[in-house]
Amino acid sequence: QLNSGDVAPALARLERIVERLPAEASEGMRAGILQELGKARELSGDAEGALECYARARDLYASYLEDDHRQIANASLRVGDAYFAMGDARRAEEAYRGALARWESRAVGPDLGVATALAHLADLLQAMGRHVEELEIRQRVLEIDVAIHGEEHAQVYRDFANLGVCAASAGRLQLADELQLEALALAPDLFGEVSDEVAL
């Protein structure tokens, strides 16, 4: 139901499931359901309720998945997203950097988890107006995505476009022009000559 956009019934159903979870339910099951409930609350506009669920899920994962950084890191990203939605930039940044540290501690070579955490952090820095720091972060995202996907990939196009906007905001106008040209050069092969992406 969440994927279909019908949030209210899914939210009510998940609330009932959480209330009726048996005492013997595993921590993994509880954490997974809490994450789904958090997503439903987030989609319904309840950022504080989403934060509560994501934080509880993260703590549950941390209590029994000490060696599985992925679930803890992903839950931390969602905690950061909830703080971001609530306008609490400081706590959002703490959560994002915590998730990033977990991914980086286990990464061997270019890692999509690291790139994802960096992208969340970059979006926050953009909203905070910290464009010089954002530019450094987005350059790292681009390097990782090129290493993983190769240069002719839609995500790499988006990275170049995001970097161009960021460079302009940081006052690096020549760099911004160069990055936008890189994005435009990729767009026809990826999206076609008359696509909206090329028009942008």
Protein backbone atom coordinates (compact mmCIF):
# COMPACT_ATOMS: atom_id res chain seq x y z
CA GLN A 1 0.00 0.00 0.00
CA LEU A 2 2.88 2.40 0.70
CA ASN A 3 4.29 1.84 -2.76
CA SER A 4 0.90 2.52 -4.33
CA GLY A 5 0.65 5.86 -2.53
CA ASP A 6 -2.32 4.83 -0.37
CA VAL A 7 -0.72 5.91 2.90
CA ALA A 8 -3.58 6.17 5.41
CA PRO A 9 -4.69 2.50 5.37
CA ALA A 10 -1.09 1.30 5.43
CA LEU A 11 -0.29 3.61 8.34
CA ALA A 12 -3.27 2.37 10.36
CA ARG A 13 -2.38 -1.24 9.62
CA LEU A 14 1.25 -0.80 10.64
CA GLU A 15 0.24 0.98 13.86
CA ARG A 16 -1.94 -2.03 14.73
CA ILE A 17 0.86 -4.47 13.91
CA VAL A 18 3.29 -2.64 16.20
CA GLU A 19 0.75 -2.55 19.02
CA ARG A 20 0.07 -6.29 18.72
CA LEU A 21 3.62 -7.57 18.26
CA PRO A 22 4.10 -10.57 20.55
CA ALA A 23 6.73 -10.35 23.24
CA GLU A 24 8.72 -13.11 21.55
CA ALA A 25 9.03 -11.19 18.26
CA SER A 26 12.66 -10.90 17.24
CA GLU A 27 14.53 -7.61 17.36
CA GLY A 28 15.04 -7.84 13.61
CA MET A 29 11.31 -8.16 13.00
CA ARG A 30 10.58 -5.24 15.32
CA ALA A 31 13.19 -3.07 13.64
CA GLY A 32 11.93 -3.88 10.16
CA ILE A 33 8.32 -3.08 11.05
CA LEU A 34 9.37 0.13 12.79
CA GLN A 35 11.19 1.22 9.65
CA GLU A 36 8.05 0.63 7.58
CA LEU A 37 5.95 2.50 10.13
CA GLY A 38 8.47 5.34 10.04
CA LYS A 39 8.20 5.49 6.28
CA ALA A 40 4.40 5.62 6.49
CA ARG A 41 4.52 8.38 9.07
CA GLU A 42 7.02 10.30 6.97
CA LEU A 43 4.78 10.04 3.89
CA SER A 44 1.83 11.22 5.94
CA GLY A 45 3.77 14.33 7.00
CA ASP A 46 4.49 13.22 10.58
CA ALA A 47 8.24 13.87 10.74
CA GLU A 48 8.43 13.57 14.53
CA GLY A 49 6.61 10.23 14.48
CA ALA A 50 8.90 9.02 11.70
CA LEU A 51 11.95 10.07 13.69
CA GLU A 52 10.78 8.09 16.72
CA CYS A 53 10.38 4.94 14.60
CA TYR A 54 13.66 5.29 12.75
CA ALA A 55 15.60 5.97 15.94
CA ARG A 56 14.08 2.93 17.65
CA ALA A 57 14.85 0.77 14.60
CA ARG A 58 18.46 2.01 14.52
CA ASP A 59 18.92 1.25 18.21
CA LEU A 60 17.42 -2.23 17.80
CA TYR A 61 19.72 -2.99 14.88
CA ALA A 62 22.70 -1.72 16.86
CA SER A 63 21.82 -3.96 19.79
CA TYR A 64 22.04 -7.21 17.85
CA LEU A 65 23.71 -6.46 14.51
CA GLU A 66 27.02 -5.14 15.73
CA ASP A 67 28.84 -6.53 12.69
CA ASP A 68 26.20 -5.61 10.10
CA HIS A 69 26.83 -1.93 9.49
CA ARG A 70 24.41 -1.69 6.56
CA GLN A 71 21.14 -1.85 8.45
CA ILE A 72 22.39 0.49 11.18
CA ALA A 73 23.76 2.96 8.63
CA ASN A 74 20.54 2.95 6.58
CA ALA A 75 18.45 3.51 9.70
CA SER A 76 20.79 6.37 10.65
CA LEU A 77 20.22 7.96 7.24
CA ARG A 78 16.48 7.82 7.84
CA VAL A 79 16.95 9.41 11.24
CA GLY A 80 18.87 12.17 9.50
CA ASP A 81 16.11 12.59 6.92
CA ALA A 82 13.53 12.98 9.68
CA TYR A 83 15.61 15.61 11.48
CA PHE A 84 16.14 17.36 8.13
CA ALA A 85 12.38 17.44 7.53
CA MET A 86 11.89 18.87 11.02
CA GLY A 87 14.44 21.63 10.34
CA ASP A 88 16.98 20.35 12.88
CA ALA A 89 20.09 20.65 10.72
CA ARG A 90 22.58 19.96 13.52
CA ARG A 91 21.08 16.60 14.44
CA ALA A 92 20.53 15.73 10.79
CA GLU A 93 24.22 16.33 10.10
CA GLU A 94 25.21 14.20 13.10
CA ALA A 95 23.04 11.33 11.85
CA TYR A 96 24.35 11.57 8.28
CA ARG A 97 27.97 11.72 9.40
CA GLY A 98 27.36 8.76 11.70
CA ALA A 99 25.96 6.73 8.81
CA LEU A 100 28.86 7.81 6.60
CA ALA A 101 31.41 6.74 9.20
CA ARG A 102 29.82 3.28 9.40
CA TRP A 103 29.91 2.83 5.63
CA GLU A 104 33.46 4.13 5.35
CA SER A 105 34.70 1.84 8.14
CA ARG A 106 33.78 -1.23 6.08
CA ALA A 107 34.23 0.05 2.52
CA VAL A 108 36.77 -1.70 0.32
CA GLY A 109 37.19 0.47 -2.74
CA PRO A 110 34.35 2.58 -4.22
CA ASP A 111 31.16 1.91 -2.29
CA LEU A 112 27.55 2.85 -3.10
CA GLY A 113 26.71 3.07 0.60
CA VAL A 114 29.37 5.72 1.05
CA ALA A 115 28.09 7.60 -2.02
CA THR A 116 24.52 7.49 -0.70
CA ALA A 117 25.49 8.84 2.71
CA LEU A 118 27.60 11.56 1.08
CA ALA A 119 24.68 12.56 -1.17
CA HIS A 120 22.36 12.93 1.84
CA LEU A 121 24.98 15.06 3.57
CA ALA A 122 25.49 17.19 0.44
CA ASP A 123 21.75 17.92 0.20
CA LEU A 124 21.76 19.06 3.81
CA LEU A 125 24.81 21.28 3.31
CA GLN A 126 23.10 22.78 0.26
CA ALA A 127 20.04 23.66 2.33
CA MET A 128 22.30 25.19 4.98
CA GLY A 129 24.13 27.33 2.42
CA ARG A 130 27.48 25.64 3.10
CA HIS A 131 28.31 25.37 -0.58
CA VAL A 132 32.10 25.10 -0.37
CA GLU A 133 31.78 22.02 1.85
CA GLU A 134 28.96 20.74 -0.34
CA LEU A 135 31.17 21.02 -3.41
CA GLU A 136 33.86 18.83 -1.85
CA ILE A 137 31.26 16.22 -0.87
CA ARG A 138 29.61 16.16 -4.29
CA GLN A 139 33.02 15.74 -5.96
CA ARG A 140 33.55 12.63 -3.85
CA VAL A 141 30.12 11.32 -4.88
CA LEU A 142 31.00 11.83 -8.55
CA GLU A 143 34.34 10.01 -8.17
CA ILE A 144 32.65 7.02 -6.54
CA ASP A 145 29.82 6.85 -9.08
CA VAL A 146 32.23 7.06 -12.03
CA ALA A 147 34.34 4.28 -10.52
CA ILE A 148 31.29 2.06 -10.03
CA HIS A 149 29.11 2.87 -13.05
CA GLY A 150 31.51 4.32 -15.63
CA GLU A 151 31.11 7.78 -17.11
CA GLU A 152 28.10 7.07 -19.35
CA HIS A 153 25.48 6.54 -16.67
CA ALA A 154 22.40 8.49 -15.61
CA GLN A 155 23.64 8.86 -12.04
CA VAL A 156 26.92 10.33 -13.27
CA TYR A 157 24.96 12.82 -15.39
CA ARG A 158 23.00 13.86 -12.30
CA ASP A 159 26.25 14.16 -10.34
CA PHE A 160 27.71 16.55 -12.93
CA ALA A 161 24.49 18.58 -12.98
CA ASN A 162 24.37 18.78 -9.17
CA LEU A 163 28.02 19.76 -9.05
CA GLY A 164 27.42 22.50 -11.58
CA VAL A 165 24.61 24.02 -9.51
CA CYS A 166 26.72 23.72 -6.37
CA ALA A 167 29.79 25.31 -7.99
CA ALA A 168 27.67 28.27 -9.12
CA SER A 169 26.31 28.69 -5.59
CA ALA A 170 29.86 28.59 -4.23
CA GLY A 171 30.92 31.33 -6.62
CA ARG A 172 33.00 29.01 -8.84
CA LEU A 173 31.35 30.16 -12.05
CA GLN A 174 33.96 28.87 -14.52
CA LEU A 175 33.87 25.45 -12.88
CA ALA A 176 30.06 25.55 -12.92
CA ASP A 177 30.08 26.15 -16.68
CA GLU A 178 32.54 23.29 -17.25
CA LEU A 179 30.46 20.88 -15.17
CA GLN A 180 27.22 21.80 -16.90
CA LEU A 181 28.91 21.22 -20.26
CA GLU A 182 30.02 17.79 -19.04
CA ALA A 183 26.41 17.00 -18.10
CA LEU A 184 25.08 18.25 -21.43
CA ALA A 185 27.65 16.14 -23.30
CA LEU A 186 26.38 13.01 -21.55
CA ALA A 187 22.67 13.73 -21.87
CA PRO A 188 22.02 12.87 -25.56
CA ASP A 189 23.51 9.38 -25.29
CA LEU A 190 21.68 8.71 -22.03
CA PHE A 191 18.31 10.33 -22.63
CA GLY A 192 18.02 11.09 -26.36
CA GLU A 193 18.47 14.30 -28.31
CA VAL A 194 15.02 15.78 -27.50
CA SER A 195 14.67 14.72 -23.88
CA ASP A 196 13.73 17.07 -21.07
CA GLU A 197 17.13 16.38 -19.52
CA VAL A 198 18.90 17.80 -22.58
CA ALA A 199 16.58 20.79 -22.65
CA LEU A 200 17.51 21.61 -19.07
